[in-house]
PDB file of N, CA and C in Angstrom:
ATOM      1  N   UNK A   1      38.109  86.748 113.761  1.00  0.00           N
ATOM      2  CA  UNK A   1      36.958  87.190 112.774  1.00  0.00           C
ATOM      3  C   UNK A   1      37.220  86.385 111.416  1.00  0.00           C
ATOM      4  N   UNK A   2      36.328  85.794 111.352  1.00  0.00           N
ATOM      5  CA  UNK A   2      35.985  84.515 110.308  1.00  0.00           C
ATOM      6  C   UNK A   2      35.928  85.013 108.829  1.00  0.00           C
ATOM      7  N   UNK A   3      36.476  84.257 108.120  1.00  0.00           N
ATOM      8  CA  UNK A   3      36.118  84.564 106.617  1.00  0.00           C
ATOM      9  C   UNK A   3      34.630  83.782 106.097  1.00  0.00           C
ATOM     10  N   UNK A   4      34.183  85.030 105.620  1.00  0.00           N
ATOM     11  CA  UNK A   4      32.467  85.074 104.898  1.00  0.00           C
ATOM     12  C   UNK A   4      32.844  84.889 103.445  1.00  0.00           C
ATOM     13  N   UNK A   5      32.713  84.149 102.387  1.00  0.00           N
ATOM     14  CA  UNK A   5      32.827  83.604 101.407  1.00  0.00           C
ATOM     15  C   UNK A   5      31.790  84.762 100.418  1.00  0.00           C
ATOM     16  N   UNK A   6      31.876  85.670  99.646  1.00  0.00           N
ATOM     17  CA  UNK A   6      30.625  86.153  98.504  1.00  0.00           C
ATOM     18  C   UNK A   6      30.126  85.377  98.178  1.00  0.00           C
ATOM     19  N   UNK A   7      30.000  84.405  97.746  1.00  0.00           N
ATOM     20  CA  UNK A   7      29.489  83.762  96.843  1.00  0.00           C
ATOM     21  C   UNK A   7      28.601  82.789  97.056  1.00  0.00           C
ATOM     22  N   UNK A   8      28.898  82.928  98.717  1.00  0.00           N
ATOM     23  CA  UNK A   8      27.723  82.014  99.749  1.00  0.00           C
ATOM     24  C   UNK A   8      26.593  82.892  99.874  1.00  0.00           C
ATOM     25  N   UNK A   9      25.058  82.211 100.536  1.00  0.00           N
ATOM     26  CA  UNK A   9      24.036  82.626 100.822  1.00  0.00           C
ATOM     27  C   UNK A   9      24.214  81.801 102.069  1.00  0.00           C
ATOM     28  N   UNK A  10      23.733  82.555 103.150  1.00  0.00           N
ATOM     29  CA  UNK A  10      23.404  82.186 104.262  1.00  0.00           C
ATOM     30  C   UNK A  10      22.043  82.182 105.261  1.00  0.00           C
ATOM     31  N   UNK A  11      21.976  81.282 106.085  1.00  0.00           N
ATOM     32  CA  UNK A  11      20.423  80.700 107.033  1.00  0.00           C
ATOM     33  C   UNK A  11      21.110  81.340 108.281  1.00  0.00           C
ATOM     34  N   UNK A  12      20.046  82.536 108.751  1.00  0.00           N
ATOM     35  CA  UNK A  12      20.427  82.743 110.151  1.00  0.00           C
ATOM     36  C   UNK A  12      20.283  81.673 111.195  1.00  0.00           C
ATOM     37  N   UNK A  13      20.163  80.454 111.217  1.00  0.00           N
ATOM     38  CA  UNK A  13      20.955  79.386 111.933  1.00  0.00           C
ATOM     39  C   UNK A  13      22.119  79.055 111.507  1.00  0.00           C
ATOM     40  N   UNK A  14      22.843  79.626 110.790  1.00  0.00           N
ATOM     41  CA  UNK A  14      24.162  79.685 110.160  1.00  0.00           C
ATOM     42  C   UNK A  14      24.664  78.484 110.131  1.00  0.00           C
ATOM     43  N   UNK A  15      23.977  77.991 108.753  1.00  0.00           N
ATOM     44  CA  UNK A  15      24.151  77.384 107.699  1.00  0.00           C
ATOM     45  C   UNK A  15      24.141  78.033 106.251  1.00  0.00           C
ATOM     46  N   UNK A  16      25.761  77.383 105.255  1.00  0.00           N
ATOM     47  CA  UNK A  16      25.667  78.094 104.229  1.00  0.00           C
ATOM     48  C   UNK A  16      25.330  77.380 103.014  1.00  0.00           C
ATOM     49  N   UNK A  17      24.677  77.821 102.094  1.00  0.00           N
ATOM     50  CA  UNK A  17      24.167  77.447 100.958  1.00  0.00           C
ATOM     51  C   UNK A  17      24.638  77.710  99.378  1.00  0.00           C
ATOM     52  N   UNK A  18      25.233  77.144  98.629  1.00  0.00           N
ATOM     53  CA  UNK A  18      25.853  77.254  97.416  1.00  0.00           C
ATOM     54  C   UNK A  18      25.334  76.944  96.153  1.00  0.00           C
ATOM     55  N   UNK A  19      24.595  77.749  94.882  1.00  0.00           N
ATOM     56  CA  UNK A  19      24.174  76.798  93.571  1.00  0.00           C
ATOM     57  C   UNK A  19      25.406  75.797  93.222  1.00  0.00           C
ATOM     58  N   UNK A  20      24.923  74.765  92.659  1.00  0.00           N
ATOM     59  CA  UNK A  20      26.125  74.131  92.036  1.00  0.00           C
ATOM     60  C   UNK A  20      24.848  73.311  90.981  1.00  0.00           C
ATOM     61  N   UNK A  21      24.945  73.540  89.883  1.00  0.00           N
ATOM     62  CA  UNK A  21      24.601  73.267  88.554  1.00  0.00           C
ATOM     63  C   UNK A  21      23.064  73.537  89.062  1.00  0.00           C
ATOM     64  N   UNK A  22      21.667  71.961  89.417  1.00  0.00           N
ATOM     65  CA  UNK A  22      20.968  72.745  89.910  1.00  0.00           C
ATOM     66  C   UNK A  22      20.538  71.951  91.073  1.00  0.00           C
ATOM     67  N   UNK A  23      21.990  72.133  91.840  1.00  0.00           N
ATOM     68  CA  UNK A  23      21.592  71.063  93.765  1.00  0.00           C
ATOM     69  C   UNK A  23      21.986  72.693  93.846  1.00  0.00           C
ATOM     70  N   UNK A  24      21.523  72.657  95.387  1.00  0.00           N
ATOM     71  CA  UNK A  24      22.093  73.430  96.483  1.00  0.00           C
ATOM     72  C   UNK A  24      23.091  72.439  97.749  1.00  0.00           C
ATOM     73  N   UNK A  25      23.953  72.928  97.453  1.00  0.00           N
ATOM     74  CA  UNK A  25      25.183  72.690  98.547  1.00  0.00           C
ATOM     75  C   UNK A  25      25.387  72.850 100.009  1.00  0.00           C
ATOM     76  N   UNK A  26      25.303  72.624 101.023  1.00  0.00           N
ATOM     77  CA  UNK A  26      24.881  72.976 102.428  1.00  0.00           C
ATOM     78  C   UNK A  26      26.145  72.376 103.395  1.00  0.00           C
ATOM     79  N   UNK A  27      26.352  73.385 104.304  1.00  0.00           N
ATOM     80  CA  UNK A  27      27.583  73.668 105.158  1.00  0.00           C
ATOM     81  C   UNK A  27      26.722  73.986 106.037  1.00  0.00           C
ATOM     82  N   UNK A  28      28.015  74.737 107.050  1.00  0.00           N
ATOM     83  CA  UNK A  28      27.824  75.460 108.441  1.00  0.00           C
ATOM     84  C   UNK A  28      28.867  76.308 108.356  1.00  0.00           C
ATOM     85  N   UNK A  29      28.702  77.320 108.680  1.00  0.00           N
ATOM     86  CA  UNK A  29      29.212  78.457 108.529  1.00  0.00           C
ATOM     87  C   UNK A  29      30.424  78.236 109.413  1.00  0.00           C
ATOM     88  N   UNK A  30      31.805  79.371 109.373  1.00  0.00           N
ATOM     89  CA  UNK A  30      33.008  79.645 110.279  1.00  0.00           C
ATOM     90  C   UNK A  30      32.408  79.701 111.130  1.00  0.00           C
ATOM     91  N   UNK A  31      31.507  80.730 110.996  1.00  0.00           N
ATOM     92  CA  UNK A  31      31.322  81.201 113.091  1.00  0.00           C
ATOM     93  C   UNK A  31      30.590  80.321 113.429  1.00  0.00           C
ATOM     94  N   UNK A  32      29.380  79.423 113.201  1.00  0.00           N
ATOM     95  CA  UNK A  32      29.488  78.521 113.770  1.00  0.00           C
ATOM     96  C   UNK A  32      29.943  77.264 113.830  1.00  0.00           C
ATOM     97  N   UNK A  33      30.869  77.035 113.642  1.00  0.00           N
ATOM     98  CA  UNK A  33      32.225  75.632 113.916  1.00  0.00           C
ATOM     99  C   UNK A  33      32.661  76.709 114.854  1.00  0.00           C
ATOM    100  N   UNK A  34      33.035  77.689 115.106  1.00  0.00           N
ATOM    101  CA  UNK A  34      33.867  78.545 115.961  1.00  0.00           C
ATOM    102  C   UNK A  34      33.375  78.674 117.666  1.00  0.00           C
ATOM    103  N   UNK A  35      31.553  78.707 117.125  1.00  0.00           N
ATOM    104  CA  UNK A  35      31.004  78.375 118.617  1.00  0.00           C
ATOM    105  C   UNK A  35      30.853  77.167 119.186  1.00  0.00           C
ATOM    106  N   UNK A  36      30.871  76.169 118.412  1.00  0.00           N
ATOM    107  CA  UNK A  36      30.556  74.883 119.023  1.00  0.00           C
ATOM    108  C   UNK A  36      32.160  74.289 119.147  1.00  0.00           C
ATOM    109  N   UNK A  37      32.887  74.928 118.790  1.00  0.00           N
ATOM    110  CA  UNK A  37      34.506  73.912 119.017  1.00  0.00           C
ATOM    111  C   UNK A  37      34.719  72.872 118.494  1.00  0.00           C
ATOM    112  N   UNK A  38      35.451  72.133 119.405  1.00  0.00           N
ATOM    113  CA  UNK A  38      35.621  70.841 117.998  1.00  0.00           C
ATOM    114  C   UNK A  38      34.618  69.821 117.535  1.00  0.00           C
ATOM    115  N   UNK A  39      34.201  69.813 116.752  1.00  0.00           N
ATOM    116  CA  UNK A  39      33.318  68.802 116.347  1.00  0.00           C
ATOM    117  C   UNK A  39      33.708  67.374 116.380  1.00  0.00           C
ATOM    118  N   UNK A  40      33.034  66.879 117.059  1.00  0.00           N
ATOM    119  CA  UNK A  40      33.275  65.200 117.286  1.00  0.00           C
ATOM    120  C   UNK A  40      32.476  63.959 116.760  1.00  0.00           C
ATOM    121  N   UNK A  41      31.156  64.932 116.479  1.00  0.00           N
ATOM    122  CA  UNK A  41      30.213  63.616 115.037  1.00  0.00           C
ATOM    123  C   UNK A  41      29.509  64.376 114.572  1.00  0.00           C
ATOM    124  N   UNK A  42      28.854  64.260 113.345  1.00  0.00           N
ATOM    125  CA  UNK A  42      27.944  64.278 112.506  1.00  0.00           C
ATOM    126  C   UNK A  42      26.415  63.683 112.091  1.00  0.00           C
ATOM    127  N   UNK A  43      25.755  64.155 112.667  1.00  0.00           N
ATOM    128  CA  UNK A  43      24.587  63.310 111.874  1.00  0.00           C
ATOM    129  C   UNK A  43      23.738  63.925 110.919  1.00  0.00           C
ATOM    130  N   UNK A  44      24.233  62.933 110.165  1.00  0.00           N
ATOM    131  CA  UNK A  44      23.863  63.230 108.263  1.00  0.00           C
ATOM    132  C   UNK A  44      21.807  62.418 108.183  1.00  0.00           C
ATOM    133  N   UNK A  45      21.697  63.562 107.108  1.00  0.00           N
ATOM    134  CA  UNK A  45      20.080  63.749 106.945  1.00  0.00           C
ATOM    135  C   UNK A  45      20.284  62.219 106.045  1.00  0.00           C
ATOM    136  N   UNK A  46      19.514  61.528 105.676  1.00  0.00           N
ATOM    137  CA  UNK A  46      19.443  59.900 104.683  1.00  0.00           C
ATOM    138  C   UNK A  46      19.182  60.681 103.495  1.00  0.00           C
ATOM    139  N   UNK A  47      19.879  59.982 102.446  1.00  0.00           N
ATOM    140  CA  UNK A  47      19.224  60.451 100.927  1.00  0.00           C
ATOM    141  C   UNK A  47      18.696  60.128 100.954  1.00  0.00           C
ATOM    142  N   UNK A  48      17.025  61.078  99.767  1.00  0.00           N
ATOM    143  CA  UNK A  48      15.605  60.626  99.965  1.00  0.00           C
ATOM    144  C   UNK A  48      15.037  61.094 100.812  1.00  0.00           C
ATOM    145  N   UNK A  49      15.581  61.705 101.596  1.00  0.00           N
ATOM    146  CA  UNK A  49      14.585  62.413 102.434  1.00  0.00           C
ATOM    147  C   UNK A  49      14.229  63.884 102.260  1.00  0.00           C
ATOM    148  N   UNK A  50      13.237  63.964 102.424  1.00  0.00           N
ATOM    149  CA  UNK A  50      12.414  65.378 101.544  1.00  0.00           C
ATOM    150  C   UNK A  50      12.323  66.310 102.888  1.00  0.00           C
ATOM    151  N   UNK A  51      12.728  67.771 102.540  1.00  0.00           N
ATOM    152  CA  UNK A  51      11.870  68.982 103.337  1.00  0.00           C
ATOM    153  C   UNK A  51      11.069  69.670 102.811  1.00  0.00           C
ATOM    154  N   UNK A  52      10.097  69.480 103.565  1.00  0.00           N
ATOM    155  CA  UNK A  52       8.541  70.582 102.807  1.00  0.00           C
ATOM    156  C   UNK A  52       8.992  71.515 103.039  1.00  0.00           C
ATOM    157  N   UNK A  53       9.714  72.239 104.100  1.00  0.00           N
ATOM    158  CA  UNK A  53       9.903  73.739 103.747  1.00  0.00           C
ATOM    159  C   UNK A  53      11.715  74.008 104.120  1.00  0.00           C
ATOM    160  N   UNK A  54      12.031  75.056 103.942  1.00  0.00           N
ATOM    161  CA  UNK A  54      13.274  76.054 104.428  1.00  0.00           C
ATOM    162  C   UNK A  54      13.095  76.139 105.653  1.00  0.00           C
ATOM    163  N   UNK A  55      13.692  75.414 106.279  1.00  0.00           N
ATOM    164  CA  UNK A  55      14.152  75.784 108.003  1.00  0.00           C
ATOM    165  C   UNK A  55      13.826  74.580 108.351  1.00  0.00           C
ATOM    166  N   UNK A  56      13.223  73.247 107.784  1.00  0.00           N
ATOM    167  CA  UNK A  56      13.204  71.942 108.448  1.00  0.00           C
ATOM    168  C   UNK A  56      14.666  71.119 109.010  1.00  0.00           C
ATOM    169  N   UNK A  57      14.796  70.590 110.024  1.00  0.00           N
ATOM    170  CA  UNK A  57      15.438  69.860 110.544  1.00  0.00           C
ATOM    171  C   UNK A  57      16.472  68.725 109.751  1.00  0.00           C
ATOM    172  N   UNK A  58      17.722  68.677 109.719  1.00  0.00           N
ATOM    173  CA  UNK A  58      18.396  68.381 108.945  1.00  0.00           C
ATOM    174  C   UNK A  58      19.422  66.878 109.582  1.00  0.00           C
ATOM    175  N   UNK A  59      19.778  67.518 110.593  1.00  0.00           N
ATOM    176  CA  UNK A  59      20.918  67.105 111.322  1.00  0.00           C
ATOM    177  C   UNK A  59      21.125  67.325 112.571  1.00  0.00           C
ATOM    178  N   UNK A  60      22.622  67.066 112.619  1.00  0.00           N
ATOM    179  CA  UNK A  60      23.022  67.581 114.136  1.00  0.00           C
ATOM    180  C   UNK A  60      24.378  67.351 113.995  1.00  0.00           C
ATOM    181  N   UNK A  61      25.293  68.449 114.480  1.00  0.00           N
ATOM    182  CA  UNK A  61      26.233  68.229 114.617  1.00  0.00           C
ATOM    183  C   UNK A  61      26.580  68.468 116.551  1.00  0.00           C
ATOM    184  N   UNK A  62      27.937  67.595 116.991  1.00  0.00           N
ATOM    185  CA  UNK A  62      28.001  67.414 117.979  1.00  0.00           C
ATOM    186  C   UNK A  62      29.488  67.672 117.956  1.00  0.00           C
ATOM    187  N   UNK A  63      29.328  68.954 119.494  1.00  0.00           N
ATOM    188  CA  UNK A  63      31.136  69.388 119.610  1.00  0.00           C
ATOM    189  C   UNK A  63      31.360  68.671 120.750  1.00  0.00           C
ATOM    190  N   UNK A  64      32.711  69.116 121.754  1.00  0.00           N
ATOM    191  CA  UNK A  64      32.843  68.978 122.923  1.00  0.00           C
ATOM    192  C   UNK A  64      32.170  69.660 123.843  1.00  0.00           C
ATOM    193  N   UNK A  65      31.416  71.037 123.585  1.00  0.00           N
ATOM    194  CA  UNK A  65      30.410  71.980 124.083  1.00  0.00           C
ATOM    195  C   UNK A  65      29.154  71.724 124.089  1.00  0.00           C
ATOM    196  N   UNK A  66      28.428  71.384 122.594  1.00  0.00           N
ATOM    197  CA  UNK A  66      27.493  71.010 122.757  1.00  0.00           C
ATOM    198  C   UNK A  66      27.362  70.403 121.594  1.00  0.00           C
ATOM    199  N   UNK A  67      25.287  70.265 121.496  1.00  0.00           N
ATOM    200  CA  UNK A  67      25.062  69.257 120.106  1.00  0.00           C
ATOM    201  C   UNK A  67      24.150  70.880 119.723  1.00  0.00           C
ATOM    202  N   UNK A  68      24.295  71.274 118.194  1.00  0.00           N
ATOM    203  CA  UNK A  68      23.284  71.841 117.518  1.00  0.00           C
ATOM    204  C   UNK A  68      22.842  71.198 116.377  1.00  0.00           C
ATOM    205  N   UNK A  69      21.135  71.524 116.178  1.00  0.00           N
ATOM    206  CA  UNK A  69      20.674  71.114 114.570  1.00  0.00           C
ATOM    207  C   UNK A  69      20.872  71.666 113.781  1.00  0.00           C
ATOM    208  N   UNK A  70      20.874  71.371 112.475  1.00  0.00           N
ATOM    209  CA  UNK A  70      21.397  71.773 111.541  1.00  0.00           C
ATOM    210  C   UNK A  70      19.866  71.698 110.635  1.00  0.00           C
ATOM    211  N   UNK A  71      19.999  72.615 109.763  1.00  0.00           N
ATOM    212  CA  UNK A  71      18.713  73.051 109.367  1.00  0.00           C
ATOM    213  C   UNK A  71      18.828  73.078 107.209  1.00  0.00           C
ATOM    214  N   UNK A  72      18.355  72.561 106.888  1.00  0.00           N
ATOM    215  CA  UNK A  72      18.300  72.577 105.661  1.00  0.00           C
ATOM    216  C   UNK A  72      17.698  74.339 105.381  1.00  0.00           C
ATOM    217  N   UNK A  73      18.426  75.218 105.051  1.00  0.00           N
ATOM    218  CA  UNK A  73      18.159  76.055 103.875  1.00  0.00           C
ATOM    219  C   UNK A  73      17.077  76.508 103.029  1.00  0.00           C
ATOM    220  N   UNK A  74      16.954  75.140 102.038  1.00  0.00           N
ATOM    221  CA  UNK A  74      15.944  75.361 100.941  1.00  0.00           C
ATOM    222  C   UNK A  74      15.093  73.764 101.655  1.00  0.00           C
ATOM    223  N   UNK A  75      13.596  74.074 101.073  1.00  0.00           N
ATOM    224  CA  UNK A  75      13.384  73.215 100.676  1.00  0.00           C
ATOM    225  C   UNK A  75      13.317  72.328  99.437  1.00  0.00           C
ATOM    226  N   UNK A  76      13.414  70.814  99.549  1.00  0.00           N
ATOM    227  CA  UNK A  76      13.708  69.791  98.634  1.00  0.00           C
ATOM    228  C   UNK A  76      13.910  68.144  98.993  1.00  0.00           C
ATOM    229  N   UNK A  77      14.906  67.283  98.066  1.00  0.00           N
ATOM    230  CA  UNK A  77      15.077  66.389  98.831  1.00  0.00           C
ATOM    231  C   UNK A  77      16.694  66.380  98.122  1.00  0.00           C
ATOM    232  N   UNK A  78      16.897  65.654  99.554  1.00  0.00           N
ATOM    233  CA  UNK A  78      18.463  64.980  99.609  1.00  0.00           C
ATOM    234  C   UNK A  78      19.092  64.161  98.797  1.00  0.00           C
ATOM    235  N   UNK A  79      20.184  64.586  98.192  1.00  0.00           N
ATOM    236  CA  UNK A  79      20.920  63.612  96.922  1.00  0.00           C
ATOM    237  C   UNK A  79      21.702  63.196  97.663  1.00  0.00           C
ATOM    238  N   UNK A  80      22.730  63.778  98.078  1.00  0.00           N
ATOM    239  CA  UNK A  80      24.038  63.265  98.642  1.00  0.00           C
ATOM    240  C   UNK A  80      24.358  63.873  99.995  1.00  0.00           C
ATOM    241  N   UNK A  81      25.003  62.853 100.285  1.00  0.00           N
ATOM    242  CA  UNK A  81      25.735  63.238 101.964  1.00  0.00           C
ATOM    243  C   UNK A  81      26.790  63.280 102.178  1.00  0.00           C
ATOM    244  N   UNK A  82      27.748  64.097 102.547  1.00  0.00           N
ATOM    245  CA  UNK A  82      29.183  63.649 102.859  1.00  0.00           C
ATOM    246  C   UNK A  82      29.567  62.856 103.643  1.00  0.00           C
ATOM    247  N   UNK A  83      29.353  61.533 103.717  1.00  0.00           N
ATOM    248  CA  UNK A  83      29.823  60.121 104.134  1.00  0.00           C
ATOM    249  C   UNK A  83      31.262  60.602 105.328  1.00  0.00           C
ATOM    250  N   UNK A  84      32.255  61.356 104.582  1.00  0.00           N
ATOM    251  CA  UNK A  84      33.313  61.658 104.516  1.00  0.00           C
ATOM    252  C   UNK A  84      33.643  62.079 106.382  1.00  0.00           C
ATOM    253  N   UNK A  85      32.075  62.891 106.436  1.00  0.00           N
ATOM    254  CA  UNK A  85      32.399  63.453 107.516  1.00  0.00           C
ATOM    255  C   UNK A  85      32.093  63.012 109.012  1.00  0.00           C
ATOM    256  N   UNK A  86      31.709  61.003 108.556  1.00  0.00           N
ATOM    257  CA  UNK A  86      31.355  60.284 109.820  1.00  0.00           C
ATOM    258  C   UNK A  86      32.615  60.006 110.513  1.00  0.00           C
ATOM    259  N   UNK A  87      33.645  59.651 109.473  1.00  0.00           N
ATOM    260  CA  UNK A  87      34.984  59.116 109.834  1.00  0.00           C
ATOM    261  C   UNK A  87      35.786  60.023 109.870  1.00  0.00           C
ATOM    262  N   UNK A  88      35.859  61.694 109.707  1.00  0.00           N
ATOM    263  CA  UNK A  88      36.358  62.893 110.028  1.00  0.00           C
ATOM    264  C   UNK A  88      35.668  64.209 110.378  1.00  0.00           C
ATOM    265  N   UNK A  89      34.538  63.951 111.213  1.00  0.00           N
ATOM    266  CA  UNK A  89      33.603  65.088 111.491  1.00  0.00           C
ATOM    267  C   UNK A  89      34.829  66.694 111.862  1.00  0.00           C
ATOM    268  N   UNK A  90      36.112  66.457 112.607  1.00  0.00           N
ATOM    269  CA  UNK A  90      36.787  67.635 112.783  1.00  0.00           C
ATOM    270  C   UNK A  90      37.375  68.398 110.952  1.00  0.00           C
ATOM    271  N   UNK A  91      36.744  67.524 110.229  1.00  0.00           N
ATOM    272  CA  UNK A  91      36.745  68.897 108.777  1.00  0.00           C
ATOM    273  C   UNK A  91      35.987  70.031 108.918  1.00  0.00           C
ATOM    274  N   UNK A  92      34.954  69.858 109.693  1.00  0.00           N
ATOM    275  CA  UNK A  92      33.468  71.429 109.762  1.00  0.00           C
ATOM    276  C   UNK A  92      34.551  72.168 110.484  1.00  0.00           C
ATOM    277  N   UNK A  93      35.832  72.044 111.487  1.00  0.00           N
ATOM    278  CA  UNK A  93      36.188  72.805 112.061  1.00  0.00           C
ATOM    279  C   UNK A  93      37.107  73.644 111.027  1.00  0.00           C
ATOM    280  N   UNK A  94      37.879  72.711 110.261  1.00  0.00           N
ATOM    281  CA  UNK A  94      39.362  72.513 109.603  1.00  0.00           C
ATOM    282  C   UNK A  94      38.853  73.712 108.226  1.00  0.00           C
ATOM    283  N   UNK A  95      38.105  73.415 107.709  1.00  0.00           N
ATOM    284  CA  UNK A  95      37.839  73.962 106.114  1.00  0.00           C
ATOM    285  C   UNK A  95      35.982  73.817 106.149  1.00  0.00           C
ATOM    286  N   UNK A  96      35.217  74.899 107.038  1.00  0.00           N
ATOM    287  CA  UNK A  96      33.662  74.581 107.096  1.00  0.00           C
ATOM    288  C   UNK A  96      33.340  75.202 105.904  1.00  0.00           C
ATOM    289  N   UNK A  97      34.126  75.704 104.551  1.00  0.00           N
ATOM    290  CA  UNK A  97      33.584  76.487 103.456  1.00  0.00           C
ATOM    291  C   UNK A  97      34.109  75.138 102.647  1.00  0.00           C
ATOM    292  N   UNK A  98      34.549  74.455 102.612  1.00  0.00           N
ATOM    293  CA  UNK A  98      34.962  73.242 101.494  1.00  0.00           C
ATOM    294  C   UNK A  98      34.103  71.944 102.270  1.00  0.00           C
ATOM    295  N   UNK A  99      34.030  71.877 103.314  1.00  0.00           N
ATOM    296  CA  UNK A  99      33.366  70.594 103.985  1.00  0.00           C
ATOM    297  C   UNK A  99      31.623  70.694 103.954  1.00  0.00           C
ATOM    298  N   UNK A 100      31.466  70.240 102.997  1.00  0.00           N
ATOM    299  CA  UNK A 100      29.847  70.385 102.711  1.00  0.00           C
ATOM    300  C   UNK A 100      29.210  69.113 103.605  1.00  0.00           C
ATOM    301  N   UNK A 101      27.724  69.012 104.108  1.00  0.00           N
ATOM    302  CA  UNK A 101      27.081  68.626 105.041  1.00  0.00           C
ATOM    303  C   UNK A 101      26.043  67.429 103.858  1.00  0.00           C
ATOM    304  N   UNK A 102      25.263  68.125 102.879  1.00  0.00           N
ATOM    305  CA  UNK A 102      24.660  66.772 102.314  1.00  0.00           C
ATOM    306  C   UNK A 102      24.299  68.548 100.974  1.00  0.00           C
ATOM    307  N   UNK A 103      23.514  67.350  99.880  1.00  0.00           N
ATOM    308  CA  UNK A 103      23.186  68.374  98.860  1.00  0.00           C
ATOM    309  C   UNK A 103      21.710  67.957  98.806  1.00  0.00           C
ATOM    310  N   UNK A 104      20.554  69.412  98.329  1.00  0.00           N
ATOM    311  CA  UNK A 104      19.090  68.985  97.964  1.00  0.00           C
ATOM    312  C   UNK A 104      19.296  68.997  96.736  1.00  0.00           C
ATOM    313  N   UNK A 105      18.391  69.016  96.182  1.00  0.00           N
ATOM    314  CA  UNK A 105      17.482  68.912  94.673  1.00  0.00           C
ATOM    315  C   UNK A 105      16.523  69.829  95.104  1.00  0.00           C
ATOM    316  N   UNK A 106      16.322  71.335  94.861  1.00  0.00           N
ATOM    317  CA  UNK A 106      15.457  72.098  95.384  1.00  0.00           C
ATOM    318  C   UNK A 106      13.910  72.692  94.950  1.00  0.00           C
ATOM    319  N   UNK A 107      13.349  72.185  95.462  1.00  0.00           N
ATOM    320  CA  UNK A 107      11.775  72.368  95.370  1.00  0.00           C
ATOM    321  C   UNK A 107      12.079  73.550  94.564  1.00  0.00           C
ATOM    322  N   UNK A 108      12.111  74.391  95.176  1.00  0.00           N
ATOM    323  CA  UNK A 108      11.899  75.674  94.661  1.00  0.00           C
ATOM    324  C   UNK A 108      13.071  76.627  94.743  1.00  0.00           C
ATOM    325  N   UNK A 109      13.999  77.163  93.732  1.00  0.00           N
ATOM    326  CA  UNK A 109      15.301  77.982  93.563  1.00  0.00           C
ATOM    327  C   UNK A 109      14.912  79.297  94.530  1.00  0.00           C
ATOM    328  N   UNK A 110      13.605  79.364  94.626  1.00  0.00           N
ATOM    329  CA  UNK A 110      13.575  80.885  95.044  1.00  0.00           C
ATOM    330  C   UNK A 110      13.659  81.427  96.726  1.00  0.00           C
ATOM    331  N   UNK A 111      13.554  79.859  97.250  1.00  0.00           N
ATOM    332  CA  UNK A 111      14.326  79.864  98.729  1.00  0.00           C
ATOM    333  C   UNK A 111      15.838  80.345  98.787  1.00  0.00           C
ATOM    334  N   UNK A 112      16.677  79.860  97.897  1.00  0.00           N
ATOM    335  CA  UNK A 112      17.720  80.531  98.026  1.00  0.00           C
ATOM    336  C   UNK A 112      18.103  82.184  98.526  1.00  0.00           C
ATOM    337  N   UNK A 113      17.132  82.904  97.057  1.00  0.00           N
ATOM    338  CA  UNK A 113      17.165  84.399  97.489  1.00  0.00           C
ATOM    339  C   UNK A 113      16.691  84.785  98.374  1.00  0.00           C
ATOM    340  N   UNK A 114      15.888  83.810  99.312  1.00  0.00           N
ATOM    341  CA  UNK A 114      15.783  84.530 100.821  1.00  0.00           C
ATOM    342  C   UNK A 114      16.782  83.920 101.463  1.00  0.00           C
ATOM    343  N   UNK A 115      18.035  83.395 101.419  1.00  0.00           N
ATOM    344  CA  UNK A 115      19.316  83.687 102.267  1.00  0.00           C
ATOM    345  C   UNK A 115      19.760  84.629 102.363  1.00  0.00           C
ATOM    346  N   UNK A 116      20.500  85.313 103.546  1.00  0.00           N
ATOM    347  CA  UNK A 116      21.349  86.236 103.759  1.00  0.00           C
ATOM    348  C   UNK A 116      22.747  86.191 102.727  1.00  0.00           C
ATOM    349  N   UNK A 117      22.837  87.108 102.212  1.00  0.00           N
ATOM    350  CA  UNK A 117      24.176  87.508 101.130  1.00  0.00           C
ATOM    351  C   UNK A 117      25.328  87.365 102.112  1.00  0.00           C
ATOM    352  N   UNK A 118      26.690  87.634 101.986  1.00  0.00           N
ATOM    353  CA  UNK A 118      27.728  87.546 102.817  1.00  0.00           C
ATOM    354  C   UNK A 118      27.536  88.943 103.782  1.00  0.00           C
ATOM    355  N   UNK A 119      27.569  89.826 103.297  1.00  0.00           N
ATOM    356  CA  UNK A 119      27.336  91.253 103.984  1.00  0.00           C
ATOM    357  C   UNK A 119      26.086  91.202 104.896  1.00  0.00           C
ATOM    358  N   UNK A 120      24.705  90.207 104.939  1.00  0.00           N
ATOM    359  CA  UNK A 120      24.412  90.320 105.422  1.00  0.00           C
ATOM    360  C   UNK A 120      24.187  89.823 106.598  1.00  0.00           C
ATOM    361  N   UNK A 121      24.891  88.414 106.360  1.00  0.00           N
ATOM    362  CA  UNK A 121      25.519  87.330 107.480  1.00  0.00           C
ATOM    363  C   UNK A 121      26.299  88.074 108.113  1.00  0.00           C
ATOM    364  N   UNK A 122      27.534  89.049 107.659  1.00  0.00           N
ATOM    365  CA  UNK A 122      28.582  89.497 108.526  1.00  0.00           C
ATOM    366  C   UNK A 122      28.045  90.722 109.595  1.00  0.00           C
ATOM    367  N   UNK A 123      26.691  91.091 108.906  1.00  0.00           N
ATOM    368  CA  UNK A 123      26.162  92.088 109.993  1.00  0.00           C
ATOM    369  C   UNK A 123      25.127  90.969 111.424  1.00  0.00           C
ATOM    370  N   UNK A 124      25.081  89.770 110.496  1.00  0.00           N
ATOM    371  CA  UNK A 124      24.055  89.148 111.810  1.00  0.00           C
ATOM    372  C   UNK A 124      24.929  88.794 113.205  1.00  0.00           C
ATOM    373  N   UNK A 125      26.524  88.234 113.025  1.00  0.00           N
ATOM    374  CA  UNK A 125      26.914  88.056 113.773  1.00  0.00           C
ATOM    375  C   UNK A 125      27.446  89.095 114.420  1.00  0.00           C
ATOM    376  N   UNK A 126      28.159  90.261 113.844  1.00  0.00           N
ATOM    377  CA  UNK A 126      28.705  91.228 114.360  1.00  0.00           C
ATOM    378  C   UNK A 126      30.020  91.519 113.967  1.00  0.00           C
ATOM    379  N   UNK A 127      30.208  91.077 112.324  1.00  0.00           N
ATOM    380  CA  UNK A 127      31.270  91.299 111.974  1.00  0.00           C
ATOM    381  C   UNK A 127      31.376  92.400 111.242  1.00  0.00           C
TER     382      UNK A 127
END
């Protein structure tokens, strides 16, 4: 059973989102990394990329089992990416809630409120 931090919001596509000042920090959930298995590659979005809507494709996480798209849980512009994941993609397995993938300056902070809270996400994944 995975741990689900109460302070995070979650997309049904298994990304987590955390407000940090005026930015939204995005990563993948512990449940997602467990389902993927050993992560071997992360395709990061480019800084400056704009997501017109929540749910836009942002990148790819590849594991020994599968490749899975990453989606932005909010509309907005990418302002930072976690370049350390290119050399250490396994960080998503080891510390999924500390290993962020990208940061977005949201077009509308209301998108965050549309995401699941920890209890709702646990219900979604059957925990």
